[in-house]
Amino acid sequence: MTNLELGYFGEKMATEYLRKQGYVLIGRNIRTRCGELDIIMKDKGVLVAIEVKTRRSRQYGLPCEAVNRRKQRHIRQSMALYLAQYGNHQMEVRFDVVEVYVLGDVVTHIQHLRGCF
């Protein structure tokens, strides 16, 4: 599995996991001029921008550590553009990270971090 395929696989697994938790899918891989939003879902009236980080190991640190300040700024800006085009500016928004660990083509662990930034 290439890194691109690994990323798409992780996003698919994260989406399925969150749906089982009661989240409603709004969109995936939404591109704006500031970047891409991996997943947008609704959780009990809150719009949630979800950044998915998929890893085969922890060799280079925790997946969530890759969501640095620069990446957070791009996600916030992308979400603001998305809301300006499609959404309600007054809607509550949350930013989550989902870590997906994979061995081969099997998910070994999913960690959902709510309200990370």
N, C-alpha and C. Protein backbone atom coordinates (compact mmCIF):
# COMPACT_ATOMS: atom_id res chain seq x y z
N MET A 1 0.86 -1.18 0.00
CA MET A 1 0.00 0.00 0.00
C MET A 1 0.90 1.24 0.00
N THR A 2 0.67 2.14 -0.97
CA THR A 2 1.44 3.39 -1.01
C THR A 2 0.97 4.31 0.12
N ASN A 3 1.73 5.39 0.37
CA ASN A 3 1.34 6.33 1.41
C ASN A 3 -0.01 6.98 1.10
N LEU A 4 -0.25 7.28 -0.18
CA LEU A 4 -1.54 7.86 -0.57
C LEU A 4 -2.68 6.89 -0.31
N GLU A 5 -2.49 5.63 -0.69
CA GLU A 5 -3.50 4.60 -0.44
C GLU A 5 -3.71 4.40 1.06
N LEU A 6 -2.62 4.45 1.81
CA LEU A 6 -2.71 4.31 3.27
C LEU A 6 -3.56 5.43 3.86
N GLY A 7 -3.34 6.66 3.37
CA GLY A 7 -4.12 7.80 3.86
C GLY A 7 -5.60 7.66 3.56
N TYR A 8 -5.94 7.29 2.35
CA TYR A 8 -7.35 7.09 1.98
C TYR A 8 -7.99 5.96 2.79
N PHE A 9 -7.22 4.89 2.99
CA PHE A 9 -7.72 3.77 3.78
C PHE A 9 -8.01 4.23 5.21
N GLY A 10 -7.08 4.98 5.79
CA GLY A 10 -7.27 5.49 7.14
C GLY A 10 -8.49 6.39 7.25
N GLU A 11 -8.70 7.25 6.26
CA GLU A 11 -9.87 8.13 6.27
C GLU A 11 -11.16 7.33 6.19
N LYS A 12 -11.15 6.29 5.37
CA LYS A 12 -12.34 5.43 5.25
C LYS A 12 -12.62 4.73 6.58
N MET A 13 -11.58 4.21 7.22
CA MET A 13 -11.76 3.51 8.50
C MET A 13 -12.21 4.48 9.60
N ALA A 14 -11.65 5.69 9.59
CA ALA A 14 -12.06 6.70 10.57
C ALA A 14 -13.52 7.08 10.38
N THR A 15 -13.94 7.23 9.13
CA THR A 15 -15.34 7.57 8.84
C THR A 15 -16.27 6.48 9.35
N GLU A 16 -15.94 5.23 9.07
CA GLU A 16 -16.77 4.11 9.55
C GLU A 16 -16.82 4.08 11.07
N TYR A 17 -15.68 4.28 11.71
CA TYR A 17 -15.62 4.29 13.18
C TYR A 17 -16.53 5.38 13.75
N LEU A 18 -16.42 6.59 13.21
CA LEU A 18 -17.22 7.71 13.72
C LEU A 18 -18.71 7.54 13.44
N ARG A 19 -19.05 6.97 12.30
CA ARG A 19 -20.47 6.68 12.02
C ARG A 19 -21.05 5.75 13.09
N LYS A 20 -20.28 4.77 13.51
CA LYS A 20 -20.74 3.85 14.56
C LYS A 20 -20.90 4.57 15.89
N GLN A 21 -20.22 5.70 16.05
CA GLN A 21 -20.34 6.50 17.28
C GLN A 21 -21.50 7.49 17.19
N GLY A 22 -22.22 7.49 16.05
CA GLY A 22 -23.38 8.36 15.90
C GLY A 22 -23.13 9.63 15.09
N TYR A 23 -21.93 9.80 14.56
CA TYR A 23 -21.63 10.97 13.74
C TYR A 23 -22.29 10.82 12.37
N VAL A 24 -22.61 11.95 11.75
CA VAL A 24 -23.23 11.96 10.42
C VAL A 24 -22.22 12.58 9.45
N LEU A 25 -21.94 11.87 8.37
CA LEU A 25 -20.97 12.34 7.38
C LEU A 25 -21.56 13.49 6.57
N ILE A 26 -20.78 14.57 6.47
CA ILE A 26 -21.13 15.72 5.64
C ILE A 26 -20.30 15.69 4.36
N GLY A 27 -19.00 15.39 4.48
CA GLY A 27 -18.15 15.34 3.30
C GLY A 27 -16.76 14.84 3.63
N ARG A 28 -16.06 14.38 2.57
CA ARG A 28 -14.68 13.92 2.70
C ARG A 28 -13.81 14.58 1.64
N ASN A 29 -12.57 14.80 1.99
CA ASN A 29 -11.57 15.36 1.08
C ASN A 29 -12.08 16.64 0.40
N ILE A 30 -12.46 17.59 1.23
CA ILE A 30 -13.00 18.86 0.74
C ILE A 30 -11.84 19.83 0.55
N ARG A 31 -11.65 20.26 -0.68
CA ARG A 31 -10.54 21.14 -1.03
C ARG A 31 -10.98 22.61 -1.01
N THR A 32 -10.13 23.43 -0.42
CA THR A 32 -10.30 24.88 -0.47
C THR A 32 -8.97 25.47 -0.93
N ARG A 33 -8.93 26.75 -1.12
CA ARG A 33 -7.67 27.37 -1.55
C ARG A 33 -6.62 27.36 -0.43
N CYS A 34 -7.03 27.08 0.81
CA CYS A 34 -6.10 27.03 1.94
C CYS A 34 -5.64 25.62 2.27
N GLY A 35 -6.26 24.63 1.67
CA GLY A 35 -5.89 23.25 1.96
C GLY A 35 -7.08 22.32 1.84
N GLU A 36 -6.93 21.15 2.43
CA GLU A 36 -7.97 20.13 2.34
C GLU A 36 -8.45 19.74 3.73
N LEU A 37 -9.75 19.52 3.84
CA LEU A 37 -10.34 18.99 5.06
C LEU A 37 -10.58 17.51 4.82
N ASP A 38 -9.98 16.66 5.66
CA ASP A 38 -10.11 15.21 5.46
C ASP A 38 -11.57 14.77 5.55
N ILE A 39 -12.20 15.10 6.67
CA ILE A 39 -13.59 14.68 6.90
C ILE A 39 -14.33 15.81 7.61
N ILE A 40 -15.57 16.04 7.22
CA ILE A 40 -16.47 16.91 7.99
C ILE A 40 -17.67 16.05 8.36
N MET A 41 -17.97 16.06 9.67
CA MET A 41 -19.11 15.29 10.17
C MET A 41 -19.89 16.16 11.15
N LYS A 42 -21.08 15.72 11.44
CA LYS A 42 -21.91 16.40 12.43
C LYS A 42 -22.05 15.50 13.64
N ASP A 43 -21.82 16.08 14.82
CA ASP A 43 -21.94 15.36 16.08
C ASP A 43 -22.91 16.13 16.98
N LYS A 44 -24.15 15.67 17.02
CA LYS A 44 -25.18 16.30 17.87
C LYS A 44 -25.24 17.81 17.69
N GLY A 45 -25.34 18.26 16.45
CA GLY A 45 -25.50 19.68 16.18
C GLY A 45 -24.20 20.45 16.06
N VAL A 46 -23.08 19.81 16.31
CA VAL A 46 -21.77 20.46 16.19
C VAL A 46 -21.12 20.00 14.89
N LEU A 47 -20.62 20.94 14.10
CA LEU A 47 -19.90 20.59 12.88
C LEU A 47 -18.45 20.29 13.26
N VAL A 48 -17.95 19.13 12.85
CA VAL A 48 -16.63 18.68 13.27
C VAL A 48 -15.72 18.50 12.06
N ALA A 49 -14.60 19.22 12.06
CA ALA A 49 -13.56 19.04 11.04
C ALA A 49 -12.59 18.01 11.63
N ILE A 50 -12.38 16.93 10.90
CA ILE A 50 -11.58 15.82 11.41
C ILE A 50 -10.35 15.63 10.54
N GLU A 51 -9.19 15.74 11.15
CA GLU A 51 -7.92 15.46 10.48
C GLU A 51 -7.55 14.03 10.83
N VAL A 52 -7.30 13.21 9.81
CA VAL A 52 -6.97 11.80 10.03
C VAL A 52 -5.49 11.60 9.76
N LYS A 53 -4.82 10.95 10.69
CA LYS A 53 -3.42 10.60 10.55
C LYS A 53 -3.30 9.09 10.67
N THR A 54 -2.82 8.47 9.62
CA THR A 54 -2.71 7.01 9.57
C THR A 54 -1.24 6.64 9.59
N ARG A 55 -0.89 5.70 10.45
CA ARG A 55 0.51 5.28 10.59
C ARG A 55 0.61 3.77 10.69
N ARG A 56 1.76 3.29 10.25
CA ARG A 56 2.06 1.87 10.39
C ARG A 56 2.75 1.57 11.72
N SER A 57 3.39 2.61 12.30
CA SER A 57 4.08 2.45 13.58
C SER A 57 4.21 3.81 14.24
N ARG A 58 4.77 3.81 15.44
CA ARG A 58 5.03 5.06 16.16
C ARG A 58 6.50 5.46 16.06
N GLN A 59 7.17 4.93 15.07
CA GLN A 59 8.60 5.15 14.89
C GLN A 59 8.95 6.63 14.84
N TYR A 60 8.11 7.43 14.21
CA TYR A 60 8.38 8.86 14.06
C TYR A 60 7.51 9.71 14.99
N GLY A 61 7.02 9.13 16.07
CA GLY A 61 6.20 9.85 17.03
C GLY A 61 4.73 9.55 16.85
N LEU A 62 3.92 10.17 17.68
CA LEU A 62 2.48 9.98 17.61
C LEU A 62 1.91 10.67 16.37
N PRO A 63 0.92 10.08 15.76
CA PRO A 63 0.32 10.70 14.56
C PRO A 63 -0.19 12.11 14.82
N CYS A 64 -0.78 12.34 15.99
CA CYS A 64 -1.35 13.66 16.27
C CYS A 64 -0.28 14.75 16.32
N GLU A 65 0.98 14.37 16.57
CA GLU A 65 2.06 15.35 16.61
C GLU A 65 2.33 15.96 15.24
N ALA A 66 1.87 15.30 14.19
CA ALA A 66 2.03 15.83 12.83
C ALA A 66 1.05 16.97 12.55
N VAL A 67 0.08 17.16 13.42
CA VAL A 67 -0.88 18.26 13.25
C VAL A 67 -0.33 19.45 14.04
N ASN A 68 0.70 20.06 13.47
CA ASN A 68 1.38 21.17 14.12
C ASN A 68 0.59 22.47 13.94
N ARG A 69 1.14 23.56 14.45
CA ARG A 69 0.42 24.85 14.40
C ARG A 69 0.13 25.29 12.96
N ARG A 70 1.08 25.06 12.08
CA ARG A 70 0.87 25.44 10.68
C ARG A 70 -0.29 24.66 10.08
N LYS A 71 -0.32 23.34 10.32
CA LYS A 71 -1.39 22.49 9.81
C LYS A 71 -2.73 22.90 10.44
N GLN A 72 -2.72 23.20 11.73
CA GLN A 72 -3.94 23.65 12.40
C GLN A 72 -4.48 24.94 11.77
N ARG A 73 -3.58 25.87 11.46
CA ARG A 73 -3.99 27.13 10.83
C ARG A 73 -4.64 26.87 9.47
N HIS A 74 -4.05 25.97 8.69
CA HIS A 74 -4.62 25.63 7.37
C HIS A 74 -6.00 24.99 7.52
N ILE A 75 -6.16 24.13 8.51
CA ILE A 75 -7.45 23.48 8.74
C ILE A 75 -8.50 24.50 9.16
N ARG A 76 -8.12 25.41 10.08
CA ARG A 76 -9.06 26.46 10.51
C ARG A 76 -9.48 27.34 9.33
N GLN A 77 -8.49 27.75 8.53
CA GLN A 77 -8.79 28.60 7.38
C GLN A 77 -9.67 27.87 6.37
N SER A 78 -9.38 26.61 6.15
CA SER A 78 -10.19 25.82 5.21
C SER A 78 -11.62 25.69 5.71
N MET A 79 -11.77 25.48 7.01
CA MET A 79 -13.11 25.35 7.58
C MET A 79 -13.87 26.67 7.48
N ALA A 80 -13.18 27.78 7.69
CA ALA A 80 -13.82 29.10 7.56
C ALA A 80 -14.30 29.32 6.12
N LEU A 81 -13.49 28.93 5.15
CA LEU A 81 -13.90 29.05 3.75
C LEU A 81 -15.07 28.14 3.43
N TYR A 82 -15.04 26.92 3.97
CA TYR A 82 -16.13 25.98 3.76
C TYR A 82 -17.44 26.55 4.33
N LEU A 83 -17.37 27.08 5.55
CA LEU A 83 -18.57 27.65 6.18
C LEU A 83 -19.08 28.86 5.41
N ALA A 84 -18.16 29.68 4.91
CA ALA A 84 -18.57 30.86 4.14
C ALA A 84 -19.32 30.46 2.87
N GLN A 85 -18.91 29.34 2.28
CA GLN A 85 -19.53 28.92 1.03
C GLN A 85 -20.79 28.08 1.25
N TYR A 86 -20.76 27.19 2.24
CA TYR A 86 -21.84 26.20 2.36
C TYR A 86 -22.61 26.23 3.67
N GLY A 87 -22.06 26.87 4.69
CA GLY A 87 -22.65 26.65 5.99
C GLY A 87 -23.15 27.88 6.70
N ASN A 88 -23.53 27.64 7.91
CA ASN A 88 -24.01 28.66 8.82
C ASN A 88 -22.83 29.18 9.63
N HIS A 89 -22.57 30.48 9.54
CA HIS A 89 -21.43 31.07 10.25
C HIS A 89 -21.59 30.97 11.77
N GLN A 90 -22.80 30.83 12.25
CA GLN A 90 -23.06 30.79 13.68
C GLN A 90 -23.00 29.38 14.26
N MET A 91 -22.81 28.38 13.41
CA MET A 91 -22.80 27.00 13.86
C MET A 91 -21.55 26.71 14.69
N GLU A 92 -21.72 25.95 15.76
CA GLU A 92 -20.57 25.57 16.58
C GLU A 92 -19.69 24.61 15.79
N VAL A 93 -18.37 24.83 15.86
CA VAL A 93 -17.40 24.03 15.13
C VAL A 93 -16.38 23.47 16.12
N ARG A 94 -15.97 22.23 15.86
CA ARG A 94 -14.95 21.58 16.68
C ARG A 94 -13.91 20.98 15.75
N PHE A 95 -12.67 20.89 16.22
CA PHE A 95 -11.59 20.32 15.43
C PHE A 95 -11.04 19.09 16.15
N ASP A 96 -11.18 17.94 15.51
CA ASP A 96 -10.73 16.67 16.08
C ASP A 96 -9.61 16.07 15.24
N VAL A 97 -8.89 15.15 15.85
CA VAL A 97 -7.89 14.35 15.14
C VAL A 97 -8.21 12.89 15.41
N VAL A 98 -8.14 12.08 14.37
CA VAL A 98 -8.30 10.63 14.52
C VAL A 98 -7.00 9.98 14.07
N GLU A 99 -6.41 9.20 14.98
CA GLU A 99 -5.21 8.43 14.67
C GLU A 99 -5.63 7.02 14.31
N VAL A 100 -5.14 6.54 13.18
CA VAL A 100 -5.45 5.19 12.73
C VAL A 100 -4.13 4.44 12.60
N TYR A 101 -4.02 3.31 13.30
CA TYR A 101 -2.82 2.47 13.21
C TYR A 101 -3.15 1.24 12.39
N VAL A 102 -2.27 0.95 11.43
CA VAL A 102 -2.50 -0.12 10.47
C VAL A 102 -1.31 -1.07 10.45
N LEU A 103 -1.61 -2.36 10.39
CA LEU A 103 -0.60 -3.39 10.18
C LEU A 103 -1.01 -4.14 8.93
N GLY A 104 -0.23 -3.97 7.86
CA GLY A 104 -0.64 -4.54 6.58
C GLY A 104 -1.86 -3.78 6.08
N ASP A 105 -2.97 -4.48 5.93
CA ASP A 105 -4.22 -3.82 5.55
C ASP A 105 -5.29 -4.00 6.63
N VAL A 106 -4.83 -4.16 7.87
CA VAL A 106 -5.73 -4.35 9.01
C VAL A 106 -5.54 -3.22 10.00
N VAL A 107 -6.64 -2.63 10.44
CA VAL A 107 -6.58 -1.58 11.45
C VAL A 107 -6.35 -2.24 12.81
N THR A 108 -5.30 -1.81 13.50
CA THR A 108 -5.00 -2.37 14.81
C THR A 108 -5.53 -1.49 15.95
N HIS A 109 -5.67 -0.18 15.68
CA HIS A 109 -6.14 0.72 16.74
C HIS A 109 -6.61 2.03 16.12
N ILE A 110 -7.68 2.59 16.69
CA ILE A 110 -8.16 3.92 16.31
C ILE A 110 -8.29 4.73 17.58
N GLN A 111 -7.70 5.93 17.56
CA GLN A 111 -7.75 6.84 18.70
C GLN A 111 -8.41 8.13 18.24
N HIS A 112 -9.53 8.50 18.86
CA HIS A 112 -10.24 9.73 18.51
C HIS A 112 -9.96 10.79 19.55
N LEU A 113 -9.34 11.88 19.13
CA LEU A 113 -8.98 12.99 20.03
C LEU A 113 -9.92 14.16 19.72
N ARG A 114 -10.81 14.47 20.65
CA ARG A 114 -11.83 15.50 20.43
C ARG A 114 -11.32 16.89 20.85
N GLY A 115 -11.70 17.87 20.07
CA GLY A 115 -11.39 19.25 20.44
C GLY A 115 -9.91 19.52 20.60
N CYS A 116 -9.11 19.06 19.69
CA CYS A 116 -7.65 19.16 19.82
C CYS A 116 -7.11 20.57 19.69
N PHE A 117 -7.77 21.39 18.89
CA PHE A 117 -7.29 22.76 18.70
C PHE A 117 -8.44 23.66 18.31
